């Protein structure tokens, strides 16, 4: 069985709908919660077969309100990059991936948007990335991939929504498995929240079927490109 380490930056932001896809392929995962009293980051030699970096709510990496473990996580991802360990980053996780690969992070206010992304590379994720798919962003700041990165999809404003570094490292500006309850919990978890989130929450709630449908192709492509192909349940 394959095993991946998952770094959480807040209690509310977790794998969401992705959990079912990993469990269905018998890919085991463990959450690491450095923001808790007894939590910490994974040691490199126990990461396993891959590393997933989740979003950070109001935490960013652009200098305004950086996640406290930013330097350590950038170093960890660089070690993965140098040794070929797959990395997948969502939101803040994509920012950390960009920094580790000599990209940048552009300062931007905390944003919540239930929008859409469009594929710009026909062979993205081995051809499994949907042509159009939900792009649910809850993030401060914005990842700027390095020049050598391959942009796989863009959002409605033309920014990279999905990018690829090397053969097996992928950054998503949004969370492809986001649930409405996760955003509601993020809003309640922190004093800082996006302005007037109600309309976007309503949009997110109506996107549930599209999120689940799109995730089938996204996860099929990700597990193949990262080598995280476990055993499918009968």
Protein backbone atom coordinates (compact mmCIF):
# COMPACT_ATOMS: atom_id res chain seq x y z
CA UNK A 1 0.00 0.00 0.00
CA UNK A 2 1.11 3.54 -0.74
CA UNK A 3 1.40 6.08 2.08
CA UNK A 4 1.38 9.89 1.97
CA UNK A 5 1.96 12.57 4.60
CA UNK A 6 -0.52 15.45 4.71
CA UNK A 7 0.36 18.78 6.33
CA UNK A 8 -2.56 20.76 7.75
CA UNK A 9 -2.23 24.44 8.54
CA UNK A 10 -5.66 24.86 10.15
CA UNK A 11 -8.15 22.54 11.82
CA UNK A 12 -10.84 23.23 9.23
CA UNK A 13 -8.85 22.67 6.03
CA UNK A 14 -8.37 18.96 5.37
CA UNK A 15 -8.50 16.64 2.34
CA UNK A 16 -12.28 16.88 2.05
CA UNK A 17 -13.65 14.79 -0.81
CA UNK A 18 -10.11 13.62 -1.62
CA UNK A 19 -10.17 11.31 1.40
CA UNK A 20 -12.67 8.98 -0.27
CA UNK A 21 -10.58 8.79 -3.44
CA UNK A 22 -7.39 7.91 -1.57
CA UNK A 23 -9.13 5.38 0.64
CA UNK A 24 -10.83 3.85 -2.39
CA UNK A 25 -7.39 3.19 -3.90
CA UNK A 26 -6.04 1.99 -0.57
CA UNK A 27 -3.59 4.89 -0.35
CA UNK A 28 -3.02 5.49 3.35
CA UNK A 29 -2.49 9.01 4.70
CA UNK A 30 -1.59 10.66 7.97
CA UNK A 31 -2.28 14.27 8.95
CA UNK A 32 0.48 16.36 10.51
CA UNK A 33 -0.72 19.41 12.47
CA UNK A 34 2.19 21.71 13.37
CA UNK A 35 -0.22 24.36 14.69
CA UNK A 36 -1.26 22.18 17.63
CA UNK A 37 0.58 21.97 20.94
CA UNK A 38 1.84 18.42 20.37
CA UNK A 39 1.97 18.57 16.58
CA UNK A 40 4.85 19.01 14.18
CA UNK A 41 6.00 18.56 10.62
CA UNK A 42 6.91 15.14 9.24
CA UNK A 43 10.58 14.16 9.21
CA UNK A 44 11.78 13.75 5.64
CA UNK A 45 12.64 10.07 5.94
CA UNK A 46 9.11 9.21 7.16
CA UNK A 47 7.15 11.19 4.55
CA UNK A 48 6.44 8.00 2.65
CA UNK A 49 5.43 7.94 -1.01
CA UNK A 50 4.31 11.55 -1.26
CA UNK A 51 3.61 14.85 0.49
CA UNK A 52 0.40 16.88 0.40
CA UNK A 53 0.35 20.50 1.60
CA UNK A 54 -3.09 21.88 2.41
CA UNK A 55 -4.42 25.43 2.52
CA UNK A 56 -3.93 27.86 5.35
CA UNK A 57 -7.09 29.91 5.73
CA UNK A 58 -5.85 33.45 6.47
CA UNK A 59 -2.23 32.29 6.59
CA UNK A 60 -0.12 33.07 3.51
CA UNK A 61 3.47 33.10 2.33
CA UNK A 62 3.77 36.56 0.78
CA UNK A 63 5.12 38.43 3.78
CA UNK A 64 1.92 39.87 5.23
CA UNK A 65 0.83 37.00 7.46
CA UNK A 66 3.14 34.08 6.80
CA UNK A 67 2.35 30.67 8.19
CA UNK A 68 4.76 30.14 11.15
CA UNK A 69 6.30 26.97 9.69
CA UNK A 70 6.97 28.50 6.25
CA UNK A 71 10.78 28.16 6.23
CA UNK A 72 10.71 24.58 7.48
CA UNK A 73 8.09 23.55 4.93
CA UNK A 74 9.97 25.18 2.04
CA UNK A 75 13.07 23.21 3.07
CA UNK A 76 11.05 20.00 3.29
CA UNK A 77 9.58 20.47 -0.19
CA UNK A 78 13.03 21.26 -1.60
CA UNK A 79 14.28 17.97 -0.19
CA UNK A 80 11.37 16.22 -1.89
CA UNK A 81 12.15 17.99 -5.15
CA UNK A 82 15.80 16.94 -5.03
CA UNK A 83 14.97 13.30 -4.28
CA UNK A 84 11.97 12.83 -6.55
CA UNK A 85 9.29 12.54 -3.85
CA UNK A 86 5.90 13.68 -5.26
CA UNK A 87 4.36 16.84 -3.81
CA UNK A 88 0.82 18.19 -4.22
CA UNK A 89 -0.07 21.62 -2.85
CA UNK A 90 -3.45 23.34 -2.49
CA UNK A 91 -3.78 27.08 -1.82
CA UNK A 92 -1.06 27.94 0.69
CA UNK A 93 0.48 24.58 -0.17
CA UNK A 94 0.86 25.70 -3.78
CA UNK A 95 2.60 28.87 -2.57
CA UNK A 96 5.08 26.79 -0.55
CA UNK A 97 5.69 24.58 -3.58
CA UNK A 98 6.33 27.64 -5.76
CA UNK A 99 8.85 29.05 -3.28
CA UNK A 100 10.63 25.72 -2.93
CA UNK A 101 11.03 25.52 -6.71
CA UNK A 102 12.48 29.05 -6.99
CA UNK A 103 9.18 30.68 -7.85
CA UNK A 104 7.56 33.52 -5.93
CA UNK A 105 4.48 34.44 -3.92
CA UNK A 106 2.56 37.59 -4.76
CA UNK A 107 0.92 39.40 -1.83
CA UNK A 108 -2.87 39.49 -2.08
CA UNK A 109 -5.71 39.95 0.41
CA UNK A 110 -7.57 36.99 1.88
CA UNK A 111 -9.99 35.81 -0.79
CA UNK A 112 -12.82 33.31 -0.97
CA UNK A 113 -14.17 32.56 -4.42
CA UNK A 114 -16.18 29.62 -5.73
CA UNK A 115 -15.14 29.99 -9.35
CA UNK A 116 -14.05 27.93 -12.31
CA UNK A 117 -10.78 26.99 -14.00
CA UNK A 118 -10.10 26.14 -17.62
CA UNK A 119 -7.56 23.61 -18.88
CA UNK A 120 -5.00 25.09 -21.28
CA UNK A 121 -2.94 21.94 -21.87
CA UNK A 122 -4.68 18.99 -23.51
CA UNK A 123 -2.31 16.48 -21.89
CA UNK A 124 -2.67 17.97 -18.38
CA UNK A 125 -2.57 15.23 -15.73
CA UNK A 126 -2.13 12.67 -18.46
CA UNK A 127 -5.22 14.00 -20.24
CA UNK A 128 -7.47 13.47 -17.20
CA UNK A 129 -7.77 17.10 -16.08
CA UNK A 130 -11.29 18.22 -17.04
CA UNK A 131 -11.59 20.96 -19.65
CA UNK A 132 -13.52 23.09 -17.13
CA UNK A 133 -13.76 22.41 -13.42
CA UNK A 134 -14.64 24.12 -10.10
CA UNK A 135 -11.83 26.17 -8.58
CA UNK A 136 -12.69 26.94 -4.97
CA UNK A 137 -10.11 29.34 -3.54
CA UNK A 138 -9.83 30.33 0.13
CA UNK A 139 -6.41 31.91 0.32
CA UNK A 140 -4.25 34.85 1.24
CA UNK A 141 -1.53 35.73 -1.31
CA UNK A 142 -1.02 34.00 -4.65
CA UNK A 143 1.56 31.47 -5.96
CA UNK A 144 3.77 32.55 -8.86
CA UNK A 145 5.29 29.38 -10.35
CA UNK A 146 8.88 29.50 -11.66
CA UNK A 147 9.38 30.16 -15.37
CA UNK A 148 10.10 26.51 -16.10
CA UNK A 149 6.82 25.33 -14.58
CA UNK A 150 4.09 24.11 -16.88
CA UNK A 151 0.74 25.88 -16.47
CA UNK A 152 -2.04 23.32 -16.83
CA UNK A 153 -5.10 25.49 -16.15
CA UNK A 154 -5.99 29.12 -15.47
CA UNK A 155 -8.71 30.73 -13.38
CA UNK A 156 -11.30 33.26 -14.48
CA UNK A 157 -8.83 36.11 -13.98
CA UNK A 158 -6.06 34.46 -16.01
CA UNK A 159 -3.92 33.39 -13.04
CA UNK A 160 -2.48 29.86 -12.83
CA UNK A 161 -5.07 27.53 -11.31
CA UNK A 162 -3.01 24.35 -11.72
CA UNK A 163 0.70 24.12 -12.45
CA UNK A 164 3.24 21.32 -12.73
CA UNK A 165 6.89 21.32 -11.70
CA UNK A 166 9.01 18.49 -13.00
CA UNK A 167 7.26 15.18 -13.46
CA UNK A 168 5.43 14.74 -10.18
CA UNK A 169 4.86 18.04 -8.34
CA UNK A 170 1.55 19.87 -8.72
CA UNK A 171 0.14 23.11 -7.34
CA UNK A 172 -3.55 24.09 -7.23
CA UNK A 173 -4.68 27.61 -6.35
CA UNK A 174 -7.93 26.10 -5.10
CA UNK A 175 -8.89 22.95 -3.24
CA UNK A 176 -10.40 20.42 -5.69
CA UNK A 177 -12.09 18.53 -2.86
CA UNK A 178 -13.47 21.51 -0.92
CA UNK A 179 -16.72 21.12 1.00
CA UNK A 180 -19.00 23.97 2.01
CA UNK A 181 -18.71 22.92 5.67
CA UNK A 182 -14.93 23.32 5.48
CA UNK A 183 -15.25 26.96 4.44
CA UNK A 184 -17.86 27.60 7.12
CA UNK A 185 -15.48 26.16 9.71
CA UNK A 186 -12.59 28.29 8.37
CA UNK A 187 -14.71 31.41 8.78
CA UNK A 188 -15.49 30.45 12.39
CA UNK A 189 -11.96 29.29 13.24
CA UNK A 190 -10.30 32.68 12.75
CA UNK A 191 -11.18 36.26 13.61
CA UNK A 192 -10.18 37.29 10.08
CA UNK A 193 -12.53 36.20 7.31
CA UNK A 194 -13.34 37.28 3.75
CA UNK A 195 -15.85 40.07 3.40
CA UNK A 196 -19.45 38.98 2.72
CA UNK A 197 -18.82 35.25 2.14
CA UNK A 198 -22.53 34.38 1.92
CA UNK A 199 -22.98 34.54 -1.87
CA UNK A 200 -19.85 32.47 -2.51
CA UNK A 201 -20.96 29.90 0.07
CA UNK A 202 -24.25 29.56 -1.80
CA UNK A 203 -22.37 29.05 -5.08
CA UNK A 204 -20.12 26.48 -3.45
CA UNK A 205 -23.10 24.56 -2.13
CA UNK A 206 -24.57 24.34 -5.63
CA UNK A 207 -21.22 23.13 -7.04
CA UNK A 208 -21.18 19.88 -5.08
CA UNK A 209 -22.02 17.59 -8.00
CA UNK A 210 -19.55 19.36 -10.32
CA UNK A 211 -16.81 19.12 -7.68
CA UNK A 212 -17.34 15.39 -7.21
CA UNK A 213 -17.55 14.74 -10.97
CA UNK A 214 -14.39 16.76 -11.73
CA UNK A 215 -12.49 15.17 -8.87
CA UNK A 216 -12.78 11.76 -10.50
CA UNK A 217 -10.60 12.87 -13.42
CA UNK A 218 -8.31 15.04 -11.30
CA UNK A 219 -7.51 12.25 -8.85
CA UNK A 220 -7.09 9.67 -11.60
CA UNK A 221 -4.52 11.93 -13.24
CA UNK A 222 -2.78 12.83 -9.98
CA UNK A 223 -2.32 9.29 -8.72
CA UNK A 224 -0.94 8.21 -12.08
CA UNK A 225 1.44 11.15 -12.50
CA UNK A 226 2.69 10.92 -8.91
CA UNK A 227 2.89 7.12 -8.83
CA UNK A 228 0.44 6.97 -5.93
CA UNK A 229 -1.49 4.14 -7.52
CA UNK A 230 -2.65 1.86 -4.76
CA UNK A 231 -5.01 -1.08 -4.99
CA UNK A 232 -8.58 -0.34 -6.02
CA UNK A 233 -11.26 -1.87 -3.85
CA UNK A 234 -13.57 -4.37 -5.56
